[in-house]
Amino acid sequence: EKSKDGLERSYRELEEWSKLVELLKARLPKVSGVTQRAELLQEIGELESTELGLYEEALEHFQYTIAKREWEETPALVIKFMLMKNLFQDLKLVKN
């Protein structure tokens, strides 16, 4: 696990976003808590949308995150998701 932490740090420093996303996705099966899994998926979604231009995938990860979190924790994320979805649709980056 320490080597993965070092690898994650290296990918971030080198801005190897695609490799970082793959590394984070590889962690998903090992994450047992719903909140921790949702946080990881949120981070993956943010990287996909801001660094990789993978808008459809990012929206899928945000939708899962919203669905699995406790409602008290999600209002800001719901608003962010809706704004991103509308923006991506307006820019024709995703399907309606």
Protein backbone atom coordinates (compact mmCIF):
# COMPACT_ATOMS: atom_id res chain seq x y z
CA GLU A 1 0.00 0.00 0.00
CA LYS A 2 2.91 2.36 0.68
CA SER A 3 4.18 1.85 -2.86
CA LYS A 4 0.72 2.78 -4.19
CA ASP A 5 0.74 5.92 -2.06
CA GLY A 6 4.13 6.82 -3.50
CA LEU A 7 2.89 6.06 -6.99
CA GLU A 8 -0.19 8.21 -6.42
CA ARG A 9 1.98 11.09 -5.23
CA SER A 10 4.24 10.71 -8.28
CA TYR A 11 1.32 10.67 -10.70
CA ARG A 12 -0.05 13.83 -9.11
CA GLU A 13 3.30 15.62 -9.25
CA LEU A 14 3.88 14.56 -12.86
CA GLU A 15 0.25 15.31 -13.76
CA GLU A 16 -0.19 11.78 -15.10
CA TRP A 17 -3.96 12.02 -14.70
CA SER A 18 -4.90 8.96 -16.72
CA LYS A 19 -2.57 6.75 -14.70
CA LEU A 20 -3.79 8.32 -11.48
CA VAL A 21 -7.41 7.61 -12.36
CA GLU A 22 -6.57 3.99 -13.16
CA LEU A 23 -4.74 3.65 -9.84
CA LEU A 24 -7.70 5.12 -7.95
CA LYS A 25 -10.14 2.85 -9.80
CA ALA A 26 -8.00 -0.14 -8.82
CA ARG A 27 -8.55 0.82 -5.17
CA LEU A 28 -12.35 0.73 -5.45
CA PRO A 29 -12.79 -3.02 -4.74
CA LYS A 30 -10.77 -2.65 -1.54
CA VAL A 31 -12.83 0.24 -0.18
CA SER A 32 -15.54 -1.12 2.08
CA GLY A 33 -17.23 1.96 3.54
CA VAL A 34 -19.96 3.64 1.50
CA THR A 35 -18.73 7.13 2.36
CA GLN A 36 -15.11 6.29 1.54
CA ARG A 37 -16.14 4.70 -1.76
CA ALA A 38 -18.26 7.74 -2.63
CA GLU A 39 -15.35 10.08 -1.83
CA LEU A 40 -13.02 8.07 -4.03
CA LEU A 41 -15.55 8.06 -6.89
CA GLN A 42 -16.03 11.79 -6.47
CA GLU A 43 -12.27 12.32 -6.81
CA ILE A 44 -12.18 10.07 -9.87
CA GLY A 45 -15.08 12.01 -11.39
CA GLU A 46 -13.39 15.33 -10.75
CA LEU A 47 -10.17 14.16 -12.40
CA GLU A 48 -12.08 12.73 -15.35
CA SER A 49 -13.95 15.97 -15.95
CA THR A 50 -11.25 18.54 -15.22
CA GLU A 51 -8.09 16.81 -16.39
CA LEU A 52 -9.13 14.16 -18.92
CA GLY A 53 -12.27 15.50 -20.57
CA LEU A 54 -14.15 12.26 -19.84
CA TYR A 55 -17.46 13.96 -19.13
CA GLU A 56 -19.84 10.99 -19.45
CA GLU A 57 -17.70 8.92 -17.09
CA ALA A 58 -17.40 11.80 -14.64
CA LEU A 59 -21.17 12.25 -14.52
CA GLU A 60 -21.65 8.52 -13.87
CA HIS A 61 -19.24 8.67 -10.95
CA PHE A 62 -20.92 11.78 -9.53
CA GLN A 63 -24.35 10.16 -9.83
CA TYR A 64 -23.15 7.12 -7.88
CA THR A 65 -21.60 9.38 -5.27
CA ILE A 66 -24.85 11.29 -4.77
CA ALA A 67 -26.91 8.11 -4.61
CA LYS A 68 -24.72 6.46 -1.98
CA ARG A 69 -24.00 9.31 0.43
CA GLU A 70 -26.11 10.34 3.36
CA TRP A 71 -28.43 13.18 2.35
CA GLU A 72 -26.93 15.64 4.88
CA GLU A 73 -23.56 15.35 3.17
CA THR A 74 -24.79 15.79 -0.39
CA PRO A 75 -26.57 19.12 -1.01
CA ALA A 76 -23.43 20.86 -2.30
CA LEU A 77 -22.51 17.81 -4.37
CA VAL A 78 -26.02 17.59 -5.84
CA ILE A 79 -25.83 21.25 -6.88
CA LYS A 80 -22.34 20.72 -8.33
CA PHE A 81 -23.52 17.65 -10.23
CA MET A 82 -26.55 19.44 -11.69
CA LEU A 83 -24.47 22.45 -12.74
CA MET A 84 -21.84 20.22 -14.33
CA LYS A 85 -24.46 18.12 -16.09
CA ASN A 86 -26.19 21.22 -17.49
CA LEU A 87 -22.88 22.76 -18.54
CA PHE A 88 -21.69 19.56 -20.21
CA GLN A 89 -25.02 19.26 -22.04
CA ASP A 90 -24.99 22.92 -23.11
CA LEU A 91 -21.49 22.49 -24.47
CA LYS A 92 -22.58 19.26 -26.17
CA LEU A 93 -19.95 17.29 -24.28
CA VAL A 94 -22.49 14.67 -23.17
CA LYS A 95 -25.81 13.37 -24.43
CA ASN A 96 -29.07 14.75 -23.02
